[in-house]
């Protein structure tokens, strides 16, 4: 069970909501949950649910959408050597 903190705005007033829902179980390992990841496109637009990944580190299952194509179970590389882009 996951808890998500949300902010919504109605007529200038901020309302805090707590939504409770379950993420889907990973069909590969059957123990982890699939959680969504978002990203930003090349023009800076937000891309919601660009990828889904398993929360079980030993599983590594992932599903990604790139340029309209779906990629399943691509190798996951460490981001430790990644250098930040200048903006």
C-alpha atoms as a PDB file:
ATOM      1  CA  UNK A   1       0.000   0.000   0.000  1.00  0.00           C
ATOM      2  CA  UNK A   2       1.449   3.350  -1.012  1.00  0.00           C
ATOM      3  CA  UNK A   3       0.563   6.779   0.286  1.00  0.00           C
ATOM      4  CA  UNK A   4       0.908   9.752  -2.035  1.00  0.00           C
ATOM      5  CA  UNK A   5       0.896  13.375  -0.950  1.00  0.00           C
ATOM      6  CA  UNK A   6      -0.926  15.571  -3.442  1.00  0.00           C
ATOM      7  CA  UNK A   7      -1.524  19.276  -3.745  1.00  0.00           C
ATOM      8  CA  UNK A   8      -4.506  20.607  -5.601  1.00  0.00           C
ATOM      9  CA  UNK A   9      -5.559  24.182  -6.006  1.00  0.00           C
ATOM     10  CA  UNK A  10      -9.176  25.313  -5.917  1.00  0.00           C
ATOM     11  CA  UNK A  11      -9.916  29.026  -6.320  1.00  0.00           C
ATOM     12  CA  UNK A  12      -6.497  29.985  -4.985  1.00  0.00           C
ATOM     13  CA  UNK A  13      -6.730  27.850  -1.848  1.00  0.00           C
ATOM     14  CA  UNK A  14      -4.301  24.983  -1.343  1.00  0.00           C
ATOM     15  CA  UNK A  15      -5.852  21.682  -0.271  1.00  0.00           C
ATOM     16  CA  UNK A  16      -3.697  18.759   0.896  1.00  0.00           C
ATOM     17  CA  UNK A  17      -5.014  15.296   0.105  1.00  0.00           C
ATOM     18  CA  UNK A  18      -3.695  11.848   1.009  1.00  0.00           C
ATOM     19  CA  UNK A  19      -4.558   9.198  -1.539  1.00  0.00           C
ATOM     20  CA  UNK A  20      -4.153   5.499  -0.763  1.00  0.00           C
ATOM     21  CA  UNK A  21      -3.715   2.953  -3.537  1.00  0.00           C
ATOM     22  CA  UNK A  22      -1.690  -0.116  -4.451  1.00  0.00           C
ATOM     23  CA  UNK A  23       0.921  -0.378  -7.178  1.00  0.00           C
ATOM     24  CA  UNK A  24       0.719  -3.463  -9.430  1.00  0.00           C
ATOM     25  CA  UNK A  25       2.824  -6.467  -8.418  1.00  0.00           C
ATOM     26  CA  UNK A  26       5.811  -7.335 -10.589  1.00  0.00           C
ATOM     27  CA  UNK A  27       4.889 -10.310 -12.757  1.00  0.00           C
ATOM     28  CA  UNK A  28       8.544 -11.366 -13.070  1.00  0.00           C
ATOM     29  CA  UNK A  29       9.579 -11.773  -9.415  1.00  0.00           C
ATOM     30  CA  UNK A  30       6.106 -11.713  -7.789  1.00  0.00           C
ATOM     31  CA  UNK A  31       7.530  -9.910  -4.722  1.00  0.00           C
ATOM     32  CA  UNK A  32       8.263  -6.341  -5.826  1.00  0.00           C
ATOM     33  CA  UNK A  33       5.840  -3.647  -6.929  1.00  0.00           C
ATOM     34  CA  UNK A  34       5.965  -1.855 -10.274  1.00  0.00           C
ATOM     35  CA  UNK A  35       6.332   1.872  -9.658  1.00  0.00           C
ATOM     36  CA  UNK A  36       6.086   4.615 -12.289  1.00  0.00           C
ATOM     37  CA  UNK A  37       8.913   6.994 -13.147  1.00  0.00           C
ATOM     38  CA  UNK A  38       8.562  10.287 -14.974  1.00  0.00           C
ATOM     39  CA  UNK A  39      11.057  12.265 -17.031  1.00  0.00           C
ATOM     40  CA  UNK A  40      11.386  15.414 -19.079  1.00  0.00           C
ATOM     41  CA  UNK A  41      11.488  15.493 -22.873  1.00  0.00           C
ATOM     42  CA  UNK A  42      14.155  17.209 -24.948  1.00  0.00           C
ATOM     43  CA  UNK A  43      12.081  20.413 -24.993  1.00  0.00           C
ATOM     44  CA  UNK A  44      11.536  20.319 -21.218  1.00  0.00           C
ATOM     45  CA  UNK A  45       7.958  19.022 -21.244  1.00  0.00           C
ATOM     46  CA  UNK A  46       7.014  16.632 -18.472  1.00  0.00           C
ATOM     47  CA  UNK A  47       6.516  12.992 -19.524  1.00  0.00           C
ATOM     48  CA  UNK A  48       4.488  11.129 -16.898  1.00  0.00           C
ATOM     49  CA  UNK A  49       4.894   7.380 -16.526  1.00  0.00           C
ATOM     50  CA  UNK A  50       7.753   7.102 -19.003  1.00  0.00           C
ATOM     51  CA  UNK A  51       8.957   3.950 -17.265  1.00  0.00           C
ATOM     52  CA  UNK A  52       7.795   1.362 -14.757  1.00  0.00           C
ATOM     53  CA  UNK A  53      10.385  -0.415 -12.609  1.00  0.00           C
ATOM     54  CA  UNK A  54      10.304  -3.185 -10.012  1.00  0.00           C
ATOM     55  CA  UNK A  55      11.083  -2.169  -6.430  1.00  0.00           C
ATOM     56  CA  UNK A  56      12.905  -5.466  -5.807  1.00  0.00           C
ATOM     57  CA  UNK A  57      16.608  -4.630  -6.455  1.00  0.00           C
ATOM     58  CA  UNK A  58      17.495  -8.227  -7.311  1.00  0.00           C
ATOM     59  CA  UNK A  59      14.734  -8.378  -9.956  1.00  0.00           C
ATOM     60  CA  UNK A  60      15.501  -5.322 -12.082  1.00  0.00           C
ATOM     61  CA  UNK A  61      12.419  -5.686 -14.323  1.00  0.00           C
ATOM     62  CA  UNK A  62      11.622  -2.482 -16.194  1.00  0.00           C
ATOM     63  CA  UNK A  63       9.331  -1.271 -18.936  1.00  0.00           C
ATOM     64  CA  UNK A  64      10.156   1.964 -20.811  1.00  0.00           C
ATOM     65  CA  UNK A  65       8.564   4.069 -23.516  1.00  0.00           C
ATOM     66  CA  UNK A  66      10.982   5.807 -25.872  1.00  0.00           C
ATOM     67  CA  UNK A  67       9.880   7.598 -29.051  1.00  0.00           C
ATOM     68  CA  UNK A  68       6.620   5.646 -29.061  1.00  0.00           C
ATOM     69  CA  UNK A  69       8.330   2.248 -28.784  1.00  0.00           C
ATOM     70  CA  UNK A  70       8.053   0.016 -25.702  1.00  0.00           C
ATOM     71  CA  UNK A  71      11.259  -1.530 -24.328  1.00  0.00           C
ATOM     72  CA  UNK A  72      11.032  -4.387 -21.832  1.00  0.00           C
ATOM     73  CA  UNK A  73      13.716  -5.524 -19.391  1.00  0.00           C
ATOM     74  CA  UNK A  74      16.616  -3.404 -20.656  1.00  0.00           C
ATOM     75  CA  UNK A  75      19.858  -3.593 -18.645  1.00  0.00           C
ATOM     76  CA  UNK A  76      20.012  -1.104 -15.776  1.00  0.00           C
ATOM     77  CA  UNK A  77      23.261   0.819 -15.432  1.00  0.00           C
ATOM     78  CA  UNK A  78      24.505   2.637 -12.373  1.00  0.00           C
ATOM     79  CA  UNK A  79      24.048   6.382 -12.490  1.00  0.00           C
ATOM     80  CA  UNK A  80      27.108   6.925 -10.286  1.00  0.00           C
ATOM     81  CA  UNK A  81      29.347   7.750 -13.259  1.00  0.00           C
ATOM     82  CA  UNK A  82      26.763  10.014 -14.919  1.00  0.00           C
ATOM     83  CA  UNK A  83      27.796  13.653 -15.176  1.00  0.00           C
ATOM     84  CA  UNK A  84      25.153  16.324 -14.784  1.00  0.00           C
ATOM     85  CA  UNK A  85      24.071  18.272 -17.865  1.00  0.00           C
ATOM     86  CA  UNK A  86      24.644  21.997 -17.808  1.00  0.00           C
ATOM     87  CA  UNK A  87      21.491  24.051 -18.188  1.00  0.00           C
END
